[in-house]
């Protein structure tokens, strides 16, 4: 509870919620990348990355690299 309250109170964090527009965009990506090992959740992440102009991420999952994002060096397995 304390951690959640800290996150909501912090000015250094942003919380983005999945709405219908994000879901529909993620569904289009899910269809586009059908040949990749992306989950629907991965696709919603891709939508937010695009909306926020983020190109480098902390992730272990190489699928993000496979669709054009840069993983933080040394963080991926």
PDB file of N, CA and C in Angstrom:
ATOM      1  N   UNK A   1       0.820  -1.180   0.000  1.00  0.00           N
ATOM      2  CA  UNK A   1       0.000   0.000   0.000  1.00  0.00           C
ATOM      3  C   UNK A   1       0.870   1.253   0.000  1.00  0.00           C
ATOM      4  N   UNK A   2       1.906   1.257   0.824  1.00  0.00           N
ATOM      5  CA  UNK A   2       2.775   2.437   0.914  1.00  0.00           C
ATOM      6  C   UNK A   2       3.459   2.706  -0.419  1.00  0.00           C
ATOM      7  N   UNK A   3       3.895   1.635  -1.097  1.00  0.00           N
ATOM      8  CA  UNK A   3       4.547   1.804  -2.405  1.00  0.00           C
ATOM      9  C   UNK A   3       3.574   2.404  -3.413  1.00  0.00           C
ATOM     10  N   UNK A   4       2.364   1.898  -3.466  1.00  0.00           N
ATOM     11  CA  UNK A   4       1.369   2.421  -4.405  1.00  0.00           C
ATOM     12  C   UNK A   4       1.065   3.883  -4.112  1.00  0.00           C
ATOM     13  N   UNK A   5       0.928   4.235  -2.848  1.00  0.00           N
ATOM     14  CA  UNK A   5       0.674   5.631  -2.489  1.00  0.00           C
ATOM     15  C   UNK A   5       1.835   6.519  -2.895  1.00  0.00           C
ATOM     16  N   UNK A   6       3.058   6.019  -2.735  1.00  0.00           N
ATOM     17  CA  UNK A   6       4.241   6.787  -3.133  1.00  0.00           C
ATOM     18  C   UNK A   6       4.238   7.026  -4.646  1.00  0.00           C
ATOM     19  N   UNK A   7       3.915   6.009  -5.416  1.00  0.00           N
ATOM     20  CA  UNK A   7       3.877   6.141  -6.874  1.00  0.00           C
ATOM     21  C   UNK A   7       2.836   7.170  -7.292  1.00  0.00           C
ATOM     22  N   UNK A   8       1.650   7.072  -6.738  1.00  0.00           N
ATOM     23  CA  UNK A   8       0.583   8.008  -7.107  1.00  0.00           C
ATOM     24  C   UNK A   8       0.898   9.440  -6.680  1.00  0.00           C
ATOM     25  N   UNK A   9       1.628   9.605  -5.594  1.00  0.00           N
ATOM     26  CA  UNK A   9       1.945  10.936  -5.092  1.00  0.00           C
ATOM     27  C   UNK A   9       3.171  11.555  -5.773  1.00  0.00           C
ATOM     28  N   UNK A  10       3.992  10.748  -6.395  1.00  0.00           N
ATOM     29  CA  UNK A  10       5.244  11.232  -6.967  1.00  0.00           C
ATOM     30  C   UNK A  10       5.031  12.061  -8.222  1.00  0.00           C
ATOM     31  N   UNK A  11       5.815  13.105  -8.359  1.00  0.00           N
ATOM     32  CA  UNK A  11       5.782  13.885  -9.602  1.00  0.00           C
ATOM     33  C   UNK A  11       6.768  13.340 -10.620  1.00  0.00           C
ATOM     34  N   UNK A  12       7.506  12.303 -10.240  1.00  0.00           N
ATOM     35  CA  UNK A  12       8.509  11.712 -11.127  1.00  0.00           C
ATOM     36  C   UNK A  12       7.987  10.496 -11.891  1.00  0.00           C
ATOM     37  N   UNK A  13       6.766  10.106 -11.630  1.00  0.00           N
ATOM     38  CA  UNK A  13       6.182   8.949 -12.295  1.00  0.00           C
ATOM     39  C   UNK A  13       4.919   9.361 -13.029  1.00  0.00           C
ATOM     40  N   UNK A  14       4.686   8.688 -14.116  1.00  0.00           N
ATOM     41  CA  UNK A  14       3.429   8.866 -14.841  1.00  0.00           C
ATOM     42  C   UNK A  14       2.762   7.506 -14.941  1.00  0.00           C
ATOM     43  N   UNK A  15       1.482   7.482 -14.745  1.00  0.00           N
ATOM     44  CA  UNK A  15       0.726   6.248 -14.887  1.00  0.00           C
ATOM     45  C   UNK A  15      -0.207   6.433 -16.072  1.00  0.00           C
ATOM     46  N   UNK A  16      -0.098   5.520 -17.021  1.00  0.00           N
ATOM     47  CA  UNK A  16      -0.917   5.576 -18.228  1.00  0.00           C
ATOM     48  C   UNK A  16      -1.873   4.392 -18.206  1.00  0.00           C
ATOM     49  N   UNK A  17      -3.118   4.663 -18.477  1.00  0.00           N
ATOM     50  CA  UNK A  17      -4.106   3.595 -18.463  1.00  0.00           C
ATOM     51  C   UNK A  17      -4.463   3.178 -19.882  1.00  0.00           C
ATOM     52  N   UNK A  18      -4.829   1.937 -20.002  1.00  0.00           N
ATOM     53  CA  UNK A  18      -5.218   1.391 -21.298  1.00  0.00           C
ATOM     54  C   UNK A  18      -6.693   1.706 -21.518  1.00  0.00           C
ATOM     55  N   UNK A  19      -6.952   2.509 -22.532  1.00  0.00           N
ATOM     56  CA  UNK A  19      -8.335   2.820 -22.890  1.00  0.00           C
ATOM     57  C   UNK A  19      -8.666   2.135 -24.217  1.00  0.00           C
ATOM     58  N   UNK A  20      -9.840   2.377 -24.714  1.00  0.00           N
ATOM     59  CA  UNK A  20     -10.277   1.707 -25.949  1.00  0.00           C
ATOM     60  C   UNK A  20      -9.366   2.038 -27.133  1.00  0.00           C
ATOM     61  N   UNK A  21      -8.929   3.277 -27.256  1.00  0.00           N
ATOM     62  CA  UNK A  21      -8.046   3.662 -28.357  1.00  0.00           C
ATOM     63  C   UNK A  21      -6.723   2.904 -28.295  1.00  0.00           C
ATOM     64  N   UNK A  22      -6.173   2.791 -27.105  1.00  0.00           N
ATOM     65  CA  UNK A  22      -4.930   2.033 -26.934  1.00  0.00           C
ATOM     66  C   UNK A  22      -5.170   0.566 -27.273  1.00  0.00           C
ATOM     67  N   UNK A  23      -6.282   0.005 -26.820  1.00  0.00           N
ATOM     68  CA  UNK A  23      -6.596  -1.394 -27.118  1.00  0.00           C
ATOM     69  C   UNK A  23      -6.704  -1.639 -28.622  1.00  0.00           C
ATOM     70  N   UNK A  24      -7.399  -0.746 -29.329  1.00  0.00           N
ATOM     71  CA  UNK A  24      -7.569  -0.926 -30.777  1.00  0.00           C
ATOM     72  C   UNK A  24      -6.247  -0.788 -31.522  1.00  0.00           C
ATOM     73  N   UNK A  25      -5.424   0.162 -31.092  1.00  0.00           N
ATOM     74  CA  UNK A  25      -4.104   0.322 -31.715  1.00  0.00           C
ATOM     75  C   UNK A  25      -3.239  -0.900 -31.421  1.00  0.00           C
ATOM     76  N   UNK A  26      -3.299  -1.391 -30.192  1.00  0.00           N
ATOM     77  CA  UNK A  26      -2.547  -2.592 -29.822  1.00  0.00           C
ATOM     78  C   UNK A  26      -3.014  -3.800 -30.631  1.00  0.00           C
ATOM     79  N   UNK A  27      -4.300  -3.892 -30.880  1.00  0.00           N
ATOM     80  CA  UNK A  27      -4.827  -4.995 -31.688  1.00  0.00           C
ATOM     81  C   UNK A  27      -4.269  -4.936 -33.116  1.00  0.00           C
ATOM     82  N   UNK A  28      -4.185  -3.725 -33.672  1.00  0.00           N
ATOM     83  CA  UNK A  28      -3.588  -3.591 -35.011  1.00  0.00           C
ATOM     84  C   UNK A  28      -2.134  -4.034 -35.000  1.00  0.00           C
ATOM     85  N   UNK A  29      -1.387  -3.668 -33.972  1.00  0.00           N
ATOM     86  CA  UNK A  29       0.009  -4.100 -33.863  1.00  0.00           C
ATOM     87  C   UNK A  29       0.101  -5.608 -33.676  1.00  0.00           C
ATOM     88  N   UNK A  30      -0.804  -6.163 -32.878  1.00  0.00           N
ATOM     89  CA  UNK A  30      -0.832  -7.610 -32.638  1.00  0.00           C
ATOM     90  C   UNK A  30      -1.006  -8.353 -33.959  1.00  0.00           C
ATOM     91  N   UNK A  31      -1.874  -7.823 -34.822  1.00  0.00           N
ATOM     92  CA  UNK A  31      -2.080  -8.425 -36.145  1.00  0.00           C
ATOM     93  C   UNK A  31      -0.858  -8.218 -37.034  1.00  0.00           C
ATOM     94  N   UNK A  32      -0.279  -7.001 -36.990  1.00  0.00           N
ATOM     95  CA  UNK A  32       0.871  -6.692 -37.845  1.00  0.00           C
ATOM     96  C   UNK A  32       2.068  -7.575 -37.499  1.00  0.00           C
ATOM     97  N   UNK A  33       2.299  -7.784 -36.206  1.00  0.00           N
ATOM     98  CA  UNK A  33       3.463  -8.544 -35.754  1.00  0.00           C
ATOM     99  C   UNK A  33       3.101  -9.989 -35.416  1.00  0.00           C
ATOM    100  N   UNK A  34       2.153 -10.556 -36.134  1.00  0.00           N
ATOM    101  CA  UNK A  34       1.712 -11.925 -35.862  1.00  0.00           C
ATOM    102  C   UNK A  34       2.851 -12.932 -35.950  1.00  0.00           C
ATOM    103  N   UNK A  35       3.893 -12.601 -36.700  1.00  0.00           N
ATOM    104  CA  UNK A  35       5.022 -13.516 -36.870  1.00  0.00           C
ATOM    105  C   UNK A  35       6.095 -13.334 -35.795  1.00  0.00           C
ATOM    106  N   UNK A  36       5.865 -12.428 -34.853  1.00  0.00           N
ATOM    107  CA  UNK A  36       6.762 -12.223 -33.724  1.00  0.00           C
ATOM    108  C   UNK A  36       6.126 -12.843 -32.478  1.00  0.00           C
ATOM    109  N   UNK A  37       6.923 -13.033 -31.467  1.00  0.00           N
ATOM    110  CA  UNK A  37       6.421 -13.632 -30.235  1.00  0.00           C
ATOM    111  C   UNK A  37       5.943 -12.552 -29.269  1.00  0.00           C
ATOM    112  N   UNK A  38       5.079 -11.655 -29.757  1.00  0.00           N
ATOM    113  CA  UNK A  38       4.551 -10.563 -28.948  1.00  0.00           C
ATOM    114  C   UNK A  38       3.199 -10.936 -28.355  1.00  0.00           C
ATOM    115  N   UNK A  39       3.020 -10.613 -27.099  1.00  0.00           N
ATOM    116  CA  UNK A  39       1.708 -10.784 -26.477  1.00  0.00           C
ATOM    117  C   UNK A  39       0.891  -9.513 -26.721  1.00  0.00           C
ATOM    118  N   UNK A  40      -0.388  -9.582 -26.420  1.00  0.00           N
ATOM    119  CA  UNK A  40      -1.223  -8.391 -26.538  1.00  0.00           C
ATOM    120  C   UNK A  40      -0.741  -7.318 -25.556  1.00  0.00           C
ATOM    121  N   UNK A  41      -0.297  -7.743 -24.375  1.00  0.00           N
ATOM    122  CA  UNK A  41       0.256  -6.802 -23.395  1.00  0.00           C
ATOM    123  C   UNK A  41       1.506  -6.125 -23.948  1.00  0.00           C
ATOM    124  N   UNK A  42       2.373  -6.886 -24.606  1.00  0.00           N
ATOM    125  CA  UNK A  42       3.543  -6.292 -25.263  1.00  0.00           C
ATOM    126  C   UNK A  42       3.104  -5.219 -26.255  1.00  0.00           C
ATOM    127  N   UNK A  43       2.050  -5.497 -26.984  1.00  0.00           N
ATOM    128  CA  UNK A  43       1.562  -4.542 -27.986  1.00  0.00           C
ATOM    129  C   UNK A  43       1.018  -3.278 -27.341  1.00  0.00           C
ATOM    130  N   UNK A  44       0.364  -3.394 -26.184  1.00  0.00           N
ATOM    131  CA  UNK A  44      -0.081  -2.176 -25.500  1.00  0.00           C
ATOM    132  C   UNK A  44       1.127  -1.367 -25.034  1.00  0.00           C
ATOM    133  N   UNK A  45       2.176  -2.049 -24.621  1.00  0.00           N
ATOM    134  CA  UNK A  45       3.415  -1.357 -24.260  1.00  0.00           C
ATOM    135  C   UNK A  45       3.983  -0.622 -25.462  1.00  0.00           C
ATOM    136  N   UNK A  46       3.974  -1.260 -26.625  1.00  0.00           N
ATOM    137  CA  UNK A  46       4.466  -0.613 -27.840  1.00  0.00           C
ATOM    138  C   UNK A  46       3.675   0.645 -28.166  1.00  0.00           C
ATOM    139  N   UNK A  47       2.374   0.616 -27.934  1.00  0.00           N
ATOM    140  CA  UNK A  47       1.543   1.798 -28.175  1.00  0.00           C
ATOM    141  C   UNK A  47       2.016   2.948 -27.293  1.00  0.00           C
ATOM    142  N   UNK A  48       2.217   2.687 -26.013  1.00  0.00           N
ATOM    143  CA  UNK A  48       2.671   3.745 -25.103  1.00  0.00           C
ATOM    144  C   UNK A  48       4.078   4.219 -25.452  1.00  0.00           C
ATOM    145  N   UNK A  49       4.956   3.298 -25.818  1.00  0.00           N
ATOM    146  CA  UNK A  49       6.304   3.698 -26.216  1.00  0.00           C
ATOM    147  C   UNK A  49       6.249   4.668 -27.392  1.00  0.00           C
ATOM    148  N   UNK A  50       5.392   4.362 -28.347  1.00  0.00           N
ATOM    149  CA  UNK A  50       5.231   5.236 -29.511  1.00  0.00           C
ATOM    150  C   UNK A  50       4.627   6.581 -29.103  1.00  0.00           C
ATOM    151  N   UNK A  51       3.574   6.562 -28.317  1.00  0.00           N
ATOM    152  CA  UNK A  51       2.915   7.803 -27.895  1.00  0.00           C
ATOM    153  C   UNK A  51       3.862   8.712 -27.118  1.00  0.00           C
ATOM    154  N   UNK A  52       4.749   8.120 -26.352  1.00  0.00           N
ATOM    155  CA  UNK A  52       5.662   8.889 -25.506  1.00  0.00           C
ATOM    156  C   UNK A  52       7.020   9.122 -26.161  1.00  0.00           C
ATOM    157  N   UNK A  53       7.158   8.695 -27.422  1.00  0.00           N
ATOM    158  CA  UNK A  53       8.423   8.838 -28.175  1.00  0.00           C
ATOM    159  C   UNK A  53       9.606   8.241 -27.413  1.00  0.00           C
ATOM    160  N   UNK A  54       9.390   7.055 -26.879  1.00  0.00           N
ATOM    161  CA  UNK A  54      10.449   6.330 -26.171  1.00  0.00           C
ATOM    162  C   UNK A  54      11.016   5.285 -27.128  1.00  0.00           C
ATOM    163  N   UNK A  55      12.342   5.272 -27.263  1.00  0.00           N
ATOM    164  CA  UNK A  55      12.984   4.365 -28.214  1.00  0.00           C
ATOM    165  C   UNK A  55      13.955   3.392 -27.553  1.00  0.00           C
ATOM    166  N   UNK A  56      14.260   3.626 -26.281  1.00  0.00           N
ATOM    167  CA  UNK A  56      15.178   2.756 -25.550  1.00  0.00           C
ATOM    168  C   UNK A  56      14.489   2.356 -24.255  1.00  0.00           C
ATOM    169  N   UNK A  57      14.492   1.048 -23.969  1.00  0.00           N
ATOM    170  CA  UNK A  57      13.750   0.564 -22.801  1.00  0.00           C
ATOM    171  C   UNK A  57      14.567  -0.453 -22.004  1.00  0.00           C
ATOM    172  N   UNK A  58      14.202  -0.582 -20.735  1.00  0.00           N
ATOM    173  CA  UNK A  58      14.712  -1.659 -19.903  1.00  0.00           C
ATOM    174  C   UNK A  58      13.819  -2.863 -20.158  1.00  0.00           C
ATOM    175  N   UNK A  59      14.375  -3.925 -20.686  1.00  0.00           N
ATOM    176  CA  UNK A  59      13.579  -5.129 -20.943  1.00  0.00           C
ATOM    177  C   UNK A  59      14.501  -6.320 -21.116  1.00  0.00           C
ATOM    178  N   UNK A  60      14.029  -7.454 -20.663  1.00  0.00           N
ATOM    179  CA  UNK A  60      14.749  -8.707 -20.906  1.00  0.00           C
ATOM    180  C   UNK A  60      14.288  -9.338 -22.211  1.00  0.00           C
ATOM    181  N   UNK A  61      13.113  -8.995 -22.632  1.00  0.00           N
ATOM    182  CA  UNK A  61      12.460  -9.628 -23.765  1.00  0.00           C
ATOM    183  C   UNK A  61      13.003  -9.095 -25.096  1.00  0.00           C
ATOM    184  N   UNK A  62      13.646  -9.946 -25.857  1.00  0.00           N
ATOM    185  CA  UNK A  62      14.249  -9.553 -27.135  1.00  0.00           C
ATOM    186  C   UNK A  62      13.212  -9.167 -28.190  1.00  0.00           C
ATOM    187  N   UNK A  63      11.943  -9.502 -27.968  1.00  0.00           N
ATOM    188  CA  UNK A  63      10.937  -9.168 -28.985  1.00  0.00           C
ATOM    189  C   UNK A  63      10.838  -7.672 -29.201  1.00  0.00           C
ATOM    190  N   UNK A  64      11.102  -6.877 -28.175  1.00  0.00           N
ATOM    191  CA  UNK A  64      11.075  -5.427 -28.347  1.00  0.00           C
ATOM    192  C   UNK A  64      12.205  -4.987 -29.275  1.00  0.00           C
ATOM    193  N   UNK A  65      13.356  -5.610 -29.136  1.00  0.00           N
ATOM    194  CA  UNK A  65      14.479  -5.324 -30.033  1.00  0.00           C
ATOM    195  C   UNK A  65      14.123  -5.747 -31.457  1.00  0.00           C
ATOM    196  N   UNK A  66      13.439  -6.867 -31.585  1.00  0.00           N
ATOM    197  CA  UNK A  66      13.085  -7.392 -32.904  1.00  0.00           C
ATOM    198  C   UNK A  66      12.105  -6.505 -33.668  1.00  0.00           C
ATOM    199  N   UNK A  67      11.381  -5.632 -32.952  1.00  0.00           N
ATOM    200  CA  UNK A  67      10.445  -4.729 -33.625  1.00  0.00           C
ATOM    201  C   UNK A  67      10.956  -3.287 -33.642  1.00  0.00           C
ATOM    202  N   UNK A  68      12.256  -3.115 -33.337  1.00  0.00           N
ATOM    203  CA  UNK A  68      12.880  -1.819 -33.561  1.00  0.00           C
ATOM    204  C   UNK A  68      13.217  -0.972 -32.351  1.00  0.00           C
ATOM    205  N   UNK A  69      13.024  -1.488 -31.156  1.00  0.00           N
ATOM    206  CA  UNK A  69      13.368  -0.709 -29.972  1.00  0.00           C
ATOM    207  C   UNK A  69      14.743  -1.120 -29.477  1.00  0.00           C
ATOM    208  N   UNK A  70      15.429  -0.181 -28.860  1.00  0.00           N
ATOM    209  CA  UNK A  70      16.754  -0.450 -28.329  1.00  0.00           C
ATOM    210  C   UNK A  70      16.635  -0.814 -26.859  1.00  0.00           C
ATOM    211  N   UNK A  71      17.226  -1.955 -26.486  1.00  0.00           N
ATOM    212  CA  UNK A  71      17.239  -2.360 -25.097  1.00  0.00           C
ATOM    213  C   UNK A  71      18.426  -1.696 -24.417  1.00  0.00           C
ATOM    214  N   UNK A  72      18.255  -1.285 -23.171  1.00  0.00           N
ATOM    215  CA  UNK A  72      19.341  -0.668 -22.427  1.00  0.00           C
ATOM    216  C   UNK A  72      20.494  -1.657 -22.382  1.00  0.00           C
ATOM    217  N   UNK A  73      21.696  -1.236 -22.781  1.00  0.00           N
ATOM    218  CA  UNK A  73      22.842  -2.159 -22.822  1.00  0.00           C
ATOM    219  C   UNK A  73      23.090  -2.845 -21.484  1.00  0.00           C
ATOM    220  N   UNK A  74      23.346  -4.144 -21.571  1.00  0.00           N
ATOM    221  CA  UNK A  74      23.653  -4.911 -20.376  1.00  0.00           C
ATOM    222  C   UNK A  74      22.440  -5.340 -19.569  1.00  0.00           C
ATOM    223  N   UNK A  75      21.256  -4.908 -19.962  1.00  0.00           N
ATOM    224  CA  UNK A  75      20.067  -5.239 -19.192  1.00  0.00           C
ATOM    225  C   UNK A  75      19.408  -6.508 -19.715  1.00  0.00           C
ATOM    226  N   UNK A  76      19.524  -6.759 -21.010  1.00  0.00           N
ATOM    227  CA  UNK A  76      18.855  -7.933 -21.592  1.00  0.00           C
ATOM    228  C   UNK A  76      19.667  -9.192 -21.298  1.00  0.00           C
ATOM    229  N   UNK A  77      18.976 -10.305 -21.340  1.00  0.00           N
ATOM    230  CA  UNK A  77      19.650 -11.592 -21.066  1.00  0.00           C
ATOM    231  C   UNK A  77      20.195 -12.168 -22.348  1.00  0.00           C
TER     232      UNK A  77
END
